């Protein structure tokens, strides 16, 4: 029994070690700045909306708000996207949408993020305004124009089509592939 746990722990330790080596190859200082984050992902020269979204993603990963993503913050983000449960991911999305950090998402915050996501991803299905209105119609249960964490998580979990759209909009698999393959795009 102990050997089985040890084997699983060894596998996880090896995986973390590999991610550490890749992280340190891209960030020899051990800290990833916003500029390095954008360079790593080839995200320079974007329009203001896409740039704002990228900044918000970075700031959400920067849990201690020191202006850098260190390895622990990086591995926590990877773990969330690779192994996180739906409610954990939705809580992260909520934090991303709640740009002012006041514990609620208002229509302007959601509209701003959706506009930025579409600017970055080129999504042309629904306009950001239509999408924002639809989300609030579906999950703002008390119709106060703000989404609480509970409204957001419960509403998205109970609406599979909305969950799919949210998940696809924030698919960070390309970020992980770039880091995993160690490709740094030139400025």
Protein backbone atom coordinates (compact mmCIF):
# COMPACT_ATOMS: atom_id res chain seq x y z
CA UNK A 1 0.00 0.00 0.00
CA UNK A 2 2.74 2.42 0.89
CA UNK A 3 4.50 1.68 -2.40
CA UNK A 4 1.38 2.57 -4.35
CA UNK A 5 1.12 5.97 -2.65
CA UNK A 6 4.82 6.53 -3.11
CA UNK A 7 4.54 5.78 -6.82
CA UNK A 8 1.69 8.28 -7.24
CA UNK A 9 3.59 10.87 -5.21
CA UNK A 10 6.72 10.23 -7.29
CA UNK A 11 4.73 10.76 -10.50
CA UNK A 12 3.31 14.04 -9.24
CA UNK A 13 6.74 15.14 -8.02
CA UNK A 14 8.28 14.33 -11.42
CA UNK A 15 5.54 16.26 -13.22
CA UNK A 16 6.06 19.29 -10.96
CA UNK A 17 9.82 19.02 -11.48
CA UNK A 18 9.35 19.05 -15.27
CA UNK A 19 7.05 22.10 -15.06
CA UNK A 20 9.64 23.76 -12.80
CA UNK A 21 12.41 23.18 -15.33
CA UNK A 22 10.27 24.62 -18.12
CA UNK A 23 9.24 27.58 -16.01
CA UNK A 24 12.83 28.35 -15.05
CA UNK A 25 13.97 28.01 -18.68
CA UNK A 26 11.46 30.69 -19.67
CA UNK A 27 11.89 32.74 -16.47
CA UNK A 28 15.45 32.34 -15.13
CA UNK A 29 14.73 34.92 -12.43
CA UNK A 30 11.99 32.67 -11.06
CA UNK A 31 9.44 35.41 -11.58
CA UNK A 32 7.36 36.14 -14.65
CA UNK A 33 6.56 39.82 -15.19
CA UNK A 34 3.55 41.03 -17.16
CA UNK A 35 5.83 42.00 -20.05
CA UNK A 36 7.47 38.54 -20.05
CA UNK A 37 4.03 36.90 -19.86
CA UNK A 38 2.91 38.78 -22.97
CA UNK A 39 6.21 38.08 -24.74
CA UNK A 40 6.07 34.38 -23.89
CA UNK A 41 2.59 34.11 -25.36
CA UNK A 42 3.22 36.42 -28.31
CA UNK A 43 0.65 38.94 -27.10
CA UNK A 44 2.26 42.30 -27.84
CA UNK A 45 0.65 45.03 -29.91
CA UNK A 46 -2.93 44.00 -29.15
CA UNK A 47 -5.91 46.31 -29.22
CA UNK A 48 -6.82 47.92 -25.86
CA UNK A 49 -9.63 45.43 -25.09
CA UNK A 50 -7.46 42.34 -25.67
CA UNK A 51 -4.61 43.96 -23.75
CA UNK A 52 -6.90 44.64 -20.79
CA UNK A 53 -8.02 40.99 -20.74
CA UNK A 54 -4.42 39.75 -20.81
CA UNK A 55 -3.58 42.10 -17.93
CA UNK A 56 -6.57 40.78 -15.98
CA UNK A 57 -5.56 37.13 -16.56
CA UNK A 58 -2.04 37.94 -15.37
CA UNK A 59 -3.34 39.77 -12.29
CA UNK A 60 -5.62 36.85 -11.44
CA UNK A 61 -2.65 34.46 -11.56
CA UNK A 62 -0.57 36.89 -9.46
CA UNK A 63 -2.22 35.83 -6.21
CA UNK A 64 0.01 37.80 -3.86
CA UNK A 65 -0.26 40.95 -6.04
CA UNK A 66 3.49 41.58 -6.19
CA UNK A 67 3.49 42.19 -9.95
CA UNK A 68 5.02 38.82 -10.80
CA UNK A 69 3.90 35.24 -11.28
CA UNK A 70 6.27 33.00 -9.35
CA UNK A 71 6.47 29.24 -9.72
CA UNK A 72 3.98 28.49 -6.93
CA UNK A 73 1.40 30.81 -8.50
CA UNK A 74 2.15 29.31 -11.90
CA UNK A 75 1.77 25.70 -10.75
CA UNK A 76 -1.44 26.55 -8.88
CA UNK A 77 -2.88 27.98 -12.11
CA UNK A 78 -1.79 24.93 -14.12
CA UNK A 79 -3.22 22.59 -11.51
CA UNK A 80 -6.53 24.47 -11.62
CA UNK A 81 -6.79 24.14 -15.39
CA UNK A 82 -5.59 20.55 -15.62
CA UNK A 83 -7.18 19.03 -12.52
CA UNK A 84 -9.54 21.60 -11.06
CA UNK A 85 -13.16 20.79 -10.43
CA UNK A 86 -15.87 22.76 -12.21
CA UNK A 87 -16.70 24.87 -9.18
CA UNK A 88 -13.02 25.74 -8.67
CA UNK A 89 -12.72 26.88 -12.28
CA UNK A 90 -15.92 28.89 -12.01
CA UNK A 91 -14.59 30.63 -8.90
CA UNK A 92 -11.46 31.53 -10.86
CA UNK A 93 -13.56 32.84 -13.76
CA UNK A 94 -15.58 34.88 -11.27
CA UNK A 95 -12.39 36.41 -9.89
CA UNK A 96 -11.28 37.19 -13.43
CA UNK A 97 -14.59 38.89 -14.27
CA UNK A 98 -14.71 40.83 -10.98
CA UNK A 99 -12.21 43.39 -12.24
CA UNK A 100 -12.64 45.82 -9.33
CA UNK A 101 -12.48 43.03 -6.72
CA UNK A 102 -15.66 44.10 -4.89
CA UNK A 103 -17.14 40.59 -4.76
CA UNK A 104 -19.73 41.08 -7.51
CA UNK A 105 -19.73 41.25 -11.29
CA UNK A 106 -21.72 44.08 -12.80
CA UNK A 107 -22.78 44.31 -16.44
CA UNK A 108 -19.94 46.66 -17.35
CA UNK A 109 -17.29 44.30 -15.94
CA UNK A 110 -18.74 41.33 -17.82
CA UNK A 111 -19.14 43.37 -21.00
CA UNK A 112 -15.55 44.59 -20.75
CA UNK A 113 -14.13 41.07 -20.33
CA UNK A 114 -16.31 39.54 -23.07
CA UNK A 115 -15.32 42.37 -25.44
CA UNK A 116 -11.66 41.70 -24.63
CA UNK A 117 -12.02 37.93 -25.05
CA UNK A 118 -13.66 38.40 -28.44
CA UNK A 119 -10.95 40.86 -29.47
CA UNK A 120 -8.31 38.27 -28.55
CA UNK A 121 -10.05 35.14 -29.84
CA UNK A 122 -11.92 36.65 -32.77
CA UNK A 123 -15.24 35.19 -31.58
CA UNK A 124 -18.03 36.47 -33.78
CA UNK A 125 -21.08 34.49 -32.56
CA UNK A 126 -22.98 36.87 -30.31
CA UNK A 127 -22.01 40.47 -29.73
CA UNK A 128 -20.52 41.18 -26.29
CA UNK A 129 -23.65 43.19 -25.43
CA UNK A 130 -25.98 40.32 -26.42
CA UNK A 131 -23.89 37.81 -24.48
CA UNK A 132 -23.79 40.02 -21.38
CA UNK A 133 -27.57 40.57 -21.49
CA UNK A 134 -28.16 36.82 -21.91
CA UNK A 135 -25.95 35.95 -18.94
CA UNK A 136 -27.69 38.44 -16.67
CA UNK A 137 -31.15 37.32 -17.83
CA UNK A 138 -30.28 33.70 -17.09
CA UNK A 139 -28.40 33.90 -13.80
CA UNK A 140 -29.06 37.24 -12.04
CA UNK A 141 -31.78 35.69 -9.86
CA UNK A 142 -32.57 38.79 -7.82
CA UNK A 143 -32.35 41.11 -10.87
CA UNK A 144 -30.13 43.63 -9.08
CA UNK A 145 -27.73 44.03 -12.02
CA UNK A 146 -24.88 42.33 -10.16
CA UNK A 147 -23.81 38.71 -9.97
CA UNK A 148 -22.62 37.34 -6.66
CA UNK A 149 -20.23 34.40 -6.55
CA UNK A 150 -23.11 32.10 -5.62
CA UNK A 151 -25.35 33.35 -8.46
CA UNK A 152 -22.50 33.00 -10.92
CA UNK A 153 -21.36 29.49 -9.91
CA UNK A 154 -24.88 28.09 -9.50
CA UNK A 155 -26.16 29.74 -12.67
CA UNK A 156 -23.30 28.54 -14.86
CA UNK A 157 -23.33 25.02 -13.36
CA UNK A 158 -27.06 24.75 -14.11
CA UNK A 159 -26.81 25.94 -17.72
CA UNK A 160 -24.67 23.61 -19.82
CA UNK A 161 -24.68 25.83 -22.92
CA UNK A 162 -23.53 28.85 -20.90
CA UNK A 163 -20.87 26.73 -19.18
CA UNK A 164 -19.59 25.56 -22.57
CA UNK A 165 -19.33 29.12 -23.90
CA UNK A 166 -17.56 30.34 -20.75
CA UNK A 167 -15.15 27.37 -20.80
CA UNK A 168 -14.29 27.81 -24.47
CA UNK A 169 -13.77 31.53 -24.06
CA UNK A 170 -11.22 30.96 -21.33
CA UNK A 171 -9.49 27.87 -22.67
CA UNK A 172 -5.88 28.37 -21.69
CA UNK A 173 -4.60 25.16 -23.30
CA UNK A 174 -2.63 27.23 -25.84
CA UNK A 175 -0.86 29.00 -22.97
CA UNK A 176 0.09 25.65 -21.46
CA UNK A 177 1.26 24.29 -24.83
CA UNK A 178 3.53 27.28 -25.41
CA UNK A 179 5.08 26.92 -21.97
CA UNK A 180 5.29 23.13 -22.19
CA UNK A 181 7.04 23.27 -25.57
CA UNK A 182 9.35 26.05 -24.39
CA UNK A 183 8.65 28.26 -27.38
CA UNK A 184 9.23 31.91 -26.74
CA UNK A 185 7.85 34.09 -29.48
CA UNK A 186 9.90 37.02 -30.58
CA UNK A 187 8.86 40.59 -29.90
